[in-house]
Amino acid sequence: QVQLVESGGGLAQAGGSLTLSCVASGRAAGTGRAASTYHIGWFRQTPGNERAFVAGIKSNGINTDYGDAVKGRFTISRDNAKNTVYLQMNNLNVEDSAVYYCAARFSGSPYYAGAYDFWGQGTQVTVSS
């Protein structure tokens, strides 16, 4: 199966920065598609709320999408040689506090959580004022 492992979460002060990493590995059962062929998205979730789209990047490492709340502050990138997707988060604010998940999809809208086939376990980001 495709496996996703997030890292890099932690505590940051408002105005500060954090970089999250998502390492993708394995192949999907059935199709045999390699993790590297999947588009990757970052979502975040706070207690009592649904997962919200943060950013996405296609398998080519070129095409990106961002949620309105993070445009201009967060940058998603991909190193296919390392099967790793990064989320550089700058100018953090308290509202960015959440559990951040990376997810993999082969098709469908990047903004829709239901389009993603595989999910990581999540990493906590806490921003203090």
Foldseek 3Di string as FASTA:
>chain_A
DKAKAKDWADEAAQQAKTKMKIAIADADPPVRHTLLQWKKWKWWDDPPDDTFTAKIAGSVQPDMDGDPVQPPFWDWGADSVRNMIMIIGGNDDQVPWTWMKMFTANDDDNGDPVRTDDIYPTDTHGYHD
